[in-house]
Amino acid sequence: MTKNELIEKVAKKSSLTKRAAADSVNATFNIIRDALVRGEKVVITGFGTFLVRSRAARRGRNPQTGQTIQIPQKKTPGFTAGKTIKRMVK
């Protein structure tokens, strides 16, 4: 499902105009994004948890040359599905 398809479904399900649904969807995504940028965890009960994960620095290998390289630490966004979603997907 694309973002536009999501907006159309939200508009249809909640009897909103497409513009109002787009504003709602965009606002939701922006709030989640801003919280992650601040390093906060976003928990949506019954759906899942959005969080920032840290990857430790590690050694890697350049596949072209075989030379060992140092891969720096970095943060990545993550999502963990809640129990309800996991049960429904089974």
PDB file of N, CA and C in Angstrom:
ATOM      1  N   MET A   1       0.839  -1.164   0.000  1.00  0.00           N
ATOM      2  CA  MET A   1       0.000   0.000   0.000  1.00  0.00           C
ATOM      3  C   MET A   1       0.892   1.239   0.000  1.00  0.00           C
ATOM      4  N   THR A   2       0.587   2.169  -0.853  1.00  0.00           N
ATOM      5  CA  THR A   2       1.339   3.417  -0.926  1.00  0.00           C
ATOM      6  C   THR A   2       0.708   4.452  -0.005  1.00  0.00           C
ATOM      7  N   LYS A   3       1.392   5.554   0.176  1.00  0.00           N
ATOM      8  CA  LYS A   3       0.876   6.626   1.030  1.00  0.00           C
ATOM      9  C   LYS A   3      -0.432   7.173   0.468  1.00  0.00           C
ATOM     10  N   ASN A   4      -0.507   7.326  -0.855  1.00  0.00           N
ATOM     11  CA  ASN A   4      -1.733   7.825  -1.478  1.00  0.00           C
ATOM     12  C   ASN A   4      -2.898   6.864  -1.270  1.00  0.00           C
ATOM     13  N   GLU A   5      -2.641   5.579  -1.364  1.00  0.00           N
ATOM     14  CA  GLU A   5      -3.694   4.588  -1.115  1.00  0.00           C
ATOM     15  C   GLU A   5      -4.150   4.653   0.335  1.00  0.00           C
ATOM     16  N   LEU A   6      -3.202   4.849   1.255  1.00  0.00           N
ATOM     17  CA  LEU A   6      -3.541   4.981   2.664  1.00  0.00           C
ATOM     18  C   LEU A   6      -4.433   6.203   2.884  1.00  0.00           C
ATOM     19  N   ILE A   7      -4.085   7.309   2.263  1.00  0.00           N
ATOM     20  CA  ILE A   7      -4.875   8.540   2.390  1.00  0.00           C
ATOM     21  C   ILE A   7      -6.293   8.313   1.865  1.00  0.00           C
ATOM     22  N   GLU A   8      -6.420   7.648   0.723  1.00  0.00           N
ATOM     23  CA  GLU A   8      -7.743   7.372   0.155  1.00  0.00           C
ATOM     24  C   GLU A   8      -8.573   6.507   1.104  1.00  0.00           C
ATOM     25  N   LYS A   9      -7.963   5.493   1.692  1.00  0.00           N
ATOM     26  CA  LYS A   9      -8.690   4.606   2.609  1.00  0.00           C
ATOM     27  C   LYS A   9      -9.093   5.330   3.888  1.00  0.00           C
ATOM     28  N   VAL A  10      -8.215   6.190   4.402  1.00  0.00           N
ATOM     29  CA  VAL A  10      -8.544   6.974   5.593  1.00  0.00           C
ATOM     30  C   VAL A  10      -9.709   7.910   5.285  1.00  0.00           C
ATOM     31  N   ALA A  11      -9.670   8.556   4.127  1.00  0.00           N
ATOM     32  CA  ALA A  11     -10.743   9.468   3.738  1.00  0.00           C
ATOM     33  C   ALA A  11     -12.076   8.732   3.640  1.00  0.00           C
ATOM     34  N   LYS A  12     -12.056   7.563   3.029  1.00  0.00           N
ATOM     35  CA  LYS A  12     -13.276   6.783   2.847  1.00  0.00           C
ATOM     36  C   LYS A  12     -13.810   6.267   4.181  1.00  0.00           C
ATOM     37  N   LYS A  13     -12.923   5.735   5.019  1.00  0.00           N
ATOM     38  CA  LYS A  13     -13.311   5.111   6.284  1.00  0.00           C
ATOM     39  C   LYS A  13     -13.838   6.134   7.296  1.00  0.00           C
ATOM     40  N   SER A  14     -13.271   7.337   7.286  1.00  0.00           N
ATOM     41  CA  SER A  14     -13.643   8.336   8.285  1.00  0.00           C
ATOM     42  C   SER A  14     -14.524   9.456   7.728  1.00  0.00           C
ATOM     43  N   SER A  15     -14.971   9.323   6.493  1.00  0.00           N
ATOM     44  CA  SER A  15     -15.833  10.319   5.838  1.00  0.00           C
ATOM     45  C   SER A  15     -15.202  11.706   5.826  1.00  0.00           C
ATOM     46  N   LEU A  16     -13.914  11.742   5.543  1.00  0.00           N
ATOM     47  CA  LEU A  16     -13.196  13.008   5.409  1.00  0.00           C
ATOM     48  C   LEU A  16     -12.916  13.276   3.936  1.00  0.00           C
ATOM     49  N   THR A  17     -12.599  14.533   3.638  1.00  0.00           N
ATOM     50  CA  THR A  17     -12.152  14.827   2.287  1.00  0.00           C
ATOM     51  C   THR A  17     -10.740  14.279   2.140  1.00  0.00           C
ATOM     52  N   LYS A  18     -10.307  14.114   0.897  1.00  0.00           N
ATOM     53  CA  LYS A  18      -8.940  13.611   0.687  1.00  0.00           C
ATOM     54  C   LYS A  18      -7.914  14.581   1.262  1.00  0.00           C
ATOM     55  N   ARG A  19      -8.207  15.861   1.179  1.00  0.00           N
ATOM     56  CA  ARG A  19      -7.273  16.862   1.701  1.00  0.00           C
ATOM     57  C   ARG A  19      -7.157  16.739   3.224  1.00  0.00           C
ATOM     58  N   ALA A  20      -8.280  16.595   3.904  1.00  0.00           N
ATOM     59  CA  ALA A  20      -8.265  16.455   5.364  1.00  0.00           C
ATOM     60  C   ALA A  20      -7.585  15.146   5.770  1.00  0.00           C
ATOM     61  N   ALA A  21      -7.844  14.079   5.032  1.00  0.00           N
ATOM     62  CA  ALA A  21      -7.206  12.791   5.320  1.00  0.00           C
ATOM     63  C   ALA A  21      -5.703  12.886   5.099  1.00  0.00           C
ATOM     64  N   ALA A  22      -5.289  13.571   4.019  1.00  0.00           N
ATOM     65  CA  ALA A  22      -3.862  13.745   3.741  1.00  0.00           C
ATOM     66  C   ALA A  22      -3.194  14.534   4.868  1.00  0.00           C
ATOM     67  N   ASP A  23      -3.863  15.582   5.351  1.00  0.00           N
ATOM     68  CA  ASP A  23      -3.317  16.366   6.456  1.00  0.00           C
ATOM     69  C   ASP A  23      -3.170  15.507   7.705  1.00  0.00           C
ATOM     70  N   SER A  24      -4.162  14.650   7.973  1.00  0.00           N
ATOM     71  CA  SER A  24      -4.117  13.782   9.154  1.00  0.00           C
ATOM     72  C   SER A  24      -2.972  12.774   9.061  1.00  0.00           C
ATOM     73  N   VAL A  25      -2.867  12.130   7.913  1.00  0.00           N
ATOM     74  CA  VAL A  25      -1.820  11.122   7.717  1.00  0.00           C
ATOM     75  C   VAL A  25      -0.442  11.778   7.795  1.00  0.00           C
ATOM     76  N   ASN A  26      -0.284  12.911   7.120  1.00  0.00           N
ATOM     77  CA  ASN A  26       1.006  13.611   7.146  1.00  0.00           C
ATOM     78  C   ASN A  26       1.357  14.089   8.551  1.00  0.00           C
ATOM     79  N   ALA A  27       0.367  14.590   9.299  1.00  0.00           N
ATOM     80  CA  ALA A  27       0.618  15.044  10.661  1.00  0.00           C
ATOM     81  C   ALA A  27       1.061  13.874  11.537  1.00  0.00           C
ATOM     82  N   THR A  28       0.411  12.724  11.380  1.00  0.00           N
ATOM     83  CA  THR A  28       0.776  11.545  12.157  1.00  0.00           C
ATOM     84  C   THR A  28       2.207  11.127  11.867  1.00  0.00           C
ATOM     85  N   PHE A  29       2.551  11.043  10.591  1.00  0.00           N
ATOM     86  CA  PHE A  29       3.913  10.656  10.212  1.00  0.00           C
ATOM     87  C   PHE A  29       4.938  11.668  10.712  1.00  0.00           C
ATOM     88  N   ASN A  30       4.609  12.954  10.631  1.00  0.00           N
ATOM     89  CA  ASN A  30       5.534  13.996  11.087  1.00  0.00           C
ATOM     90  C   ASN A  30       5.756  13.928  12.597  1.00  0.00           C
ATOM     91  N   ILE A  31       4.701  13.648  13.357  1.00  0.00           N
ATOM     92  CA  ILE A  31       4.828  13.536  14.810  1.00  0.00           C
ATOM     93  C   ILE A  31       5.727  12.350  15.166  1.00  0.00           C
ATOM     94  N   ILE A  32       5.517  11.229  14.491  1.00  0.00           N
ATOM     95  CA  ILE A  32       6.359  10.047  14.738  1.00  0.00           C
ATOM     96  C   ILE A  32       7.805  10.347  14.370  1.00  0.00           C
ATOM     97  N   ARG A  33       8.016  10.962  13.213  1.00  0.00           N
ATOM     98  CA  ARG A  33       9.370  11.303  12.767  1.00  0.00           C
ATOM     99  C   ARG A  33      10.064  12.238  13.746  1.00  0.00           C
ATOM    100  N   ASP A  34       9.363  13.286  14.194  1.00  0.00           N
ATOM    101  CA  ASP A  34       9.955  14.252  15.118  1.00  0.00           C
ATOM    102  C   ASP A  34      10.331  13.602  16.446  1.00  0.00           C
ATOM    103  N   ALA A  35       9.480  12.694  16.927  1.00  0.00           N
ATOM    104  CA  ALA A  35       9.780  11.992  18.179  1.00  0.00           C
ATOM    105  C   ALA A  35      11.028  11.129  18.021  1.00  0.00           C
ATOM    106  N   LEU A  36      11.160  10.446  16.888  1.00  0.00           N
ATOM    107  CA  LEU A  36      12.342   9.613  16.651  1.00  0.00           C
ATOM    108  C   LEU A  36      13.605  10.455  16.547  1.00  0.00           C
ATOM    109  N   VAL A  37      13.492  11.626  15.923  1.00  0.00           N
ATOM    110  CA  VAL A  37      14.647  12.517  15.808  1.00  0.00           C
ATOM    111  C   VAL A  37      15.121  12.945  17.199  1.00  0.00           C
ATOM    112  N   ARG A  38      14.177  13.140  18.117  1.00  0.00           N
ATOM    113  CA  ARG A  38      14.529  13.512  19.500  1.00  0.00           C
ATOM    114  C   ARG A  38      14.999  12.305  20.306  1.00  0.00           C
ATOM    115  N   GLY A  39      14.948  11.110  19.724  1.00  0.00           N
ATOM    116  CA  GLY A  39      15.402   9.905  20.409  1.00  0.00           C
ATOM    117  C   GLY A  39      14.330   9.261  21.272  1.00  0.00           C
ATOM    118  N   GLU A  40      13.091   9.690  21.120  1.00  0.00           N
ATOM    119  CA  GLU A  40      11.995   9.154  21.909  1.00  0.00           C
ATOM    120  C   GLU A  40      11.434   7.885  21.275  1.00  0.00           C
ATOM    121  N   LYS A  41      10.736   7.118  22.095  1.00  0.00           N
ATOM    122  CA  LYS A  41      10.068   5.908  21.626  1.00  0.00           C
ATOM    123  C   LYS A  41       8.589   6.238  21.460  1.00  0.00           C
ATOM    124  N   VAL A  42       7.969   5.783  20.367  1.00  0.00           N
ATOM    125  CA  VAL A  42       6.547   6.011  20.125  1.00  0.00           C
ATOM    126  C   VAL A  42       5.834   4.673  20.216  1.00  0.00           C
ATOM    127  N   VAL A  43       4.949   4.546  21.210  1.00  0.00           N
ATOM    128  CA  VAL A  43       4.216   3.302  21.425  1.00  0.00           C
ATOM    129  C   VAL A  43       2.762   3.522  21.042  1.00  0.00           C
ATOM    130  N   ILE A  44       2.276   2.745  20.081  1.00  0.00           N
ATOM    131  CA  ILE A  44       0.875   2.784  19.686  1.00  0.00           C
ATOM    132  C   ILE A  44       0.287   1.448  20.104  1.00  0.00           C
ATOM    133  N   THR A  45      -0.454   1.476  21.206  1.00  0.00           N
ATOM    134  CA  THR A  45      -0.992   0.253  21.796  1.00  0.00           C
ATOM    135  C   THR A  45      -1.863  -0.485  20.787  1.00  0.00           C
ATOM    136  N   GLY A  46      -1.606  -1.776  20.665  1.00  0.00           N
ATOM    137  CA  GLY A  46      -2.360  -2.603  19.730  1.00  0.00           C
ATOM    138  C   GLY A  46      -1.783  -2.602  18.325  1.00  0.00           C
ATOM    139  N   PHE A  47      -0.812  -1.747  18.058  1.00  0.00           N
ATOM    140  CA  PHE A  47      -0.199  -1.687  16.731  1.00  0.00           C
ATOM    141  C   PHE A  47       1.280  -2.016  16.788  1.00  0.00           C
ATOM    142  N   GLY A  48       2.050  -1.197  17.521  1.00  0.00           N
ATOM    143  CA  GLY A  48       3.476  -1.461  17.604  1.00  0.00           C
ATOM    144  C   GLY A  48       4.248  -0.301  18.197  1.00  0.00           C
ATOM    145  N   THR A  49       5.563  -0.428  18.152  1.00  0.00           N
ATOM    146  CA  THR A  49       6.458   0.561  18.743  1.00  0.00           C
ATOM    147  C   THR A  49       7.498   1.003  17.721  1.00  0.00           C
ATOM    148  N   PHE A  50       7.627   2.313  17.583  1.00  0.00           N
ATOM    149  CA  PHE A  50       8.674   2.904  16.754  1.00  0.00           C
ATOM    150  C   PHE A  50       9.770   3.355  17.697  1.00  0.00           C
ATOM    151  N   LEU A  51      11.035   3.034  17.378  1.00  0.00           N
ATOM    152  CA  LEU A  51      12.134   3.416  18.248  1.00  0.00           C
ATOM    153  C   LEU A  51      13.405   3.600  17.437  1.00  0.00           C
ATOM    154  N   VAL A  52      14.398   4.208  18.094  1.00  0.00           N
ATOM    155  CA  VAL A  52      15.709   4.412  17.476  1.00  0.00           C
ATOM    156  C   VAL A  52      16.633   3.331  18.013  1.00  0.00           C
ATOM    157  N   ARG A  53      17.248   2.597  17.115  1.00  0.00           N
ATOM    158  CA  ARG A  53      18.195   1.549  17.494  1.00  0.00           C
ATOM    159  C   ARG A  53      19.614   2.018  17.191  1.00  0.00           C
ATOM    160  N   SER A  54      20.541   1.629  18.038  1.00  0.00           N
ATOM    161  CA  SER A  54      21.942   1.979  17.820  1.00  0.00           C
ATOM    162  C   SER A  54      22.693   0.747  17.337  1.00  0.00           C
ATOM    163  N   ARG A  55      23.448   0.921  16.288  1.00  0.00           N
ATOM    164  CA  ARG A  55      24.327  -0.141  15.799  1.00  0.00           C
ATOM    165  C   ARG A  55      25.734   0.177  16.272  1.00  0.00           C
ATOM    166  N   ALA A  56      26.359  -0.775  16.893  1.00  0.00           N
ATOM    167  CA  ALA A  56      27.713  -0.580  17.403  1.00  0.00           C
ATOM    168  C   ALA A  56      28.705  -0.481  16.248  1.00  0.00           C
ATOM    169  N   ALA A  57      29.821   0.186  16.506  1.00  0.00           N
ATOM    170  CA  ALA A  57      30.898   0.238  15.527  1.00  0.00           C
ATOM    171  C   ALA A  57      31.455  -1.177  15.363  1.00  0.00           C
ATOM    172  N   ARG A  58      31.849  -1.500  14.160  1.00  0.00           N
ATOM    173  CA  ARG A  58      32.353  -2.849  13.912  1.00  0.00           C
ATOM    174  C   ARG A  58      33.323  -2.837  12.741  1.00  0.00           C
ATOM    175  N   ARG A  59      34.019  -3.960  12.605  1.00  0.00           N
ATOM    176  CA  ARG A  59      34.930  -4.103  11.463  1.00  0.00           C
ATOM    177  C   ARG A  59      34.181  -4.780  10.328  1.00  0.00           C
ATOM    178  N   GLY A  60      34.444  -4.308   9.126  1.00  0.00           N
ATOM    179  CA  GLY A  60      33.841  -4.895   7.943  1.00  0.00           C
ATOM    180  C   GLY A  60      34.920  -5.196   6.926  1.00  0.00           C
ATOM    181  N   ARG A  61      34.476  -5.603   5.758  1.00  0.00           N
ATOM    182  CA  ARG A  61      35.434  -5.937   4.710  1.00  0.00           C
ATOM    183  C   ARG A  61      34.936  -5.355   3.405  1.00  0.00           C
ATOM    184  N   ASN A  62      35.820  -4.691   2.692  1.00  0.00           N
ATOM    185  CA  ASN A  62      35.495  -4.179   1.377  1.00  0.00           C
ATOM    186  C   ASN A  62      35.433  -5.378   0.424  1.00  0.00           C
ATOM    187  N   PRO A  63      34.267  -5.663  -0.176  1.00  0.00           N
ATOM    188  CA  PRO A  63      34.156  -6.853  -1.008  1.00  0.00           C
ATOM    189  C   PRO A  63      35.006  -6.805  -2.281  1.00  0.00           C
ATOM    190  N   GLN A  64      35.337  -5.607  -2.746  1.00  0.00           N
ATOM    191  CA  GLN A  64      36.139  -5.509  -3.971  1.00  0.00           C
ATOM    192  C   GLN A  64      37.614  -5.769  -3.720  1.00  0.00           C
ATOM    193  N   THR A  65      38.123  -5.222  -2.606  1.00  0.00           N
ATOM    194  CA  THR A  65      39.560  -5.337  -2.355  1.00  0.00           C
ATOM    195  C   THR A  65      39.895  -6.351  -1.257  1.00  0.00           C
ATOM    196  N   GLY A  66      38.922  -6.702  -0.447  1.00  0.00           N
ATOM    197  CA  GLY A  66      39.178  -7.606   0.660  1.00  0.00           C
ATOM    198  C   GLY A  66      39.806  -6.920   1.859  1.00  0.00           C
ATOM    199  N   GLN A  67      39.996  -5.607   1.758  1.00  0.00           N
ATOM    200  CA  GLN A  67      40.633  -4.846   2.824  1.00  0.00           C
ATOM    201  C   GLN A  67      39.669  -4.679   4.002  1.00  0.00           C
ATOM    202  N   THR A  68      40.183  -4.762   5.221  1.00  0.00           N
ATOM    203  CA  THR A  68      39.382  -4.560   6.426  1.00  0.00           C
ATOM    204  C   THR A  68      39.147  -3.071   6.616  1.00  0.00           C
ATOM    205  N   ILE A  69      37.897  -2.710   6.923  1.00  0.00           N
ATOM    206  CA  ILE A  69      37.545  -1.309   7.153  1.00  0.00           C
ATOM    207  C   ILE A  69      36.789  -1.200   8.477  1.00  0.00           C
ATOM    208  N   GLN A  70      36.797  -0.023   9.040  1.00  0.00           N
ATOM    209  CA  GLN A  70      36.058   0.236  10.266  1.00  0.00           C
ATOM    210  C   GLN A  70      34.718   0.863   9.895  1.00  0.00           C
ATOM    211  N   ILE A  71      33.617   0.240  10.322  1.00  0.00           N
ATOM    212  CA  ILE A  71      32.276   0.770  10.075  1.00  0.00           C
ATOM    213  C   ILE A  71      31.867   1.511  11.346  1.00  0.00           C
ATOM    214  N   PRO A  72      31.542   2.813  11.236  1.00  0.00           N
ATOM    215  CA  PRO A  72      31.240   3.599  12.437  1.00  0.00           C
ATOM    216  C   PRO A  72      29.872   3.246  13.040  1.00  0.00           C
ATOM    217  N   GLN A  73      29.697   3.627  14.287  1.00  0.00           N
ATOM    218  CA  GLN A  73      28.423   3.450  14.970  1.00  0.00           C
ATOM    219  C   GLN A  73      27.381   4.332  14.281  1.00  0.00           C
ATOM    220  N   LYS A  74      26.125   3.866  14.246  1.00  0.00           N
ATOM    221  CA  LYS A  74      25.078   4.722  13.717  1.00  0.00           C
ATOM    222  C   LYS A  74      23.738   4.348  14.316  1.00  0.00           C
ATOM    223  N   LYS A  75      22.808   5.269  14.212  1.00  0.00           N
ATOM    224  CA  LYS A  75      21.462   5.054  14.724  1.00  0.00           C
ATOM    225  C   LYS A  75      20.529   4.819  13.544  1.00  0.00           C
ATOM    226  N   THR A  76      19.595   3.889  13.720  1.00  0.00           N
ATOM    227  CA  THR A  76      18.630   3.595  12.669  1.00  0.00           C
ATOM    228  C   THR A  76      17.229   3.527  13.270  1.00  0.00           C
ATOM    229  N   PRO A  77      16.217   3.928  12.507  1.00  0.00           N
ATOM    230  CA  PRO A  77      14.848   3.794  13.013  1.00  0.00           C
ATOM    231  C   PRO A  77      14.424   2.334  12.967  1.00  0.00           C
ATOM    232  N   GLY A  78      13.595   1.951  13.909  1.00  0.00           N
ATOM    233  CA  GLY A  78      13.125   0.575  13.952  1.00  0.00           C
ATOM    234  C   GLY A  78      11.654   0.514  14.320  1.00  0.00           C
ATOM    235  N   PHE A  79      11.042  -0.602  14.019  1.00  0.00           N
ATOM    236  CA  PHE A  79       9.640  -0.833  14.363  1.00  0.00           C
ATOM    237  C   PHE A  79       9.498  -2.250  14.881  1.00  0.00           C
ATOM    238  N   THR A  80       8.763  -2.400  15.971  1.00  0.00           N
ATOM    239  CA  THR A  80       8.444  -3.704  16.507  1.00  0.00           C
ATOM    240  C   THR A  80       6.931  -3.828  16.534  1.00  0.00           C
ATOM    241  N   ALA A  81       6.405  -4.836  15.856  1.00  0.00           N
ATOM    242  CA  ALA A  81       4.960  -5.024  15.808  1.00  0.00           C
ATOM    243  C   ALA A  81       4.435  -5.461  17.164  1.00  0.00           C
ATOM    244  N   GLY A  82       3.235  -5.003  17.504  1.00  0.00           N
ATOM    245  CA  GLY A  82       2.597  -5.381  18.757  1.00  0.00           C
ATOM    246  C   GLY A  82       1.969  -6.762  18.673  1.00  0.00           C
ATOM    247  N   LYS A  83       1.545  -7.284  19.810  1.00  0.00           N
ATOM    248  CA  LYS A  83       0.966  -8.624  19.874  1.00  0.00           C
ATOM    249  C   LYS A  83      -0.264  -8.751  18.986  1.00  0.00           C
ATOM    250  N   THR A  84      -1.109  -7.732  18.997  1.00  0.00           N
ATOM    251  CA  THR A  84      -2.344  -7.790  18.225  1.00  0.00           C
ATOM    252  C   THR A  84      -2.061  -7.952  16.736  1.00  0.00           C
ATOM    253  N   ILE A  85      -1.145  -7.159  16.216  1.00  0.00           N
ATOM    254  CA  ILE A  85      -0.792  -7.234  14.787  1.00  0.00           C
ATOM    255  C   ILE A  85      -0.148  -8.591  14.478  1.00  0.00           C
ATOM    256  N   LYS A  86       0.728  -9.054  15.359  1.00  0.00           N
ATOM    257  CA  LYS A  86       1.379 -10.342  15.130  1.00  0.00           C
ATOM    258  C   LYS A  86       0.370 -11.460  15.048  1.00  0.00           C
ATOM    259  N   ARG A  87      -0.621 -11.422  15.949  1.00  0.00           N
ATOM    260  CA  ARG A  87      -1.667 -12.481  15.925  1.00  0.00           C
ATOM    261  C   ARG A  87      -2.498 -12.413  14.658  1.00  0.00           C
ATOM    262  N   MET A  88      -2.809 -11.223  14.192  1.00  0.00           N
ATOM    263  CA  MET A  88      -3.647 -11.060  13.003  1.00  0.00           C
ATOM    264  C   MET A  88      -2.940 -11.498  11.740  1.00  0.00           C
ATOM    265  N   VAL A  89      -1.631 -11.307  11.688  1.00  0.00           N
ATOM    266  CA  VAL A  89      -0.852 -11.635  10.485  1.00  0.00           C
ATOM    267  C   VAL A  89      -0.603 -13.131  10.349  1.00  0.00           C
ATOM    268  N   LYS A  90      -0.569 -13.846  11.477  1.00  0.00           N
ATOM    269  CA  LYS A  90      -0.279 -15.281  11.444  1.00  0.00           C
ATOM    270  C   LYS A  90      -1.065 -15.997  10.428  1.00  0.00           C
TER     271      LYS A  90
END
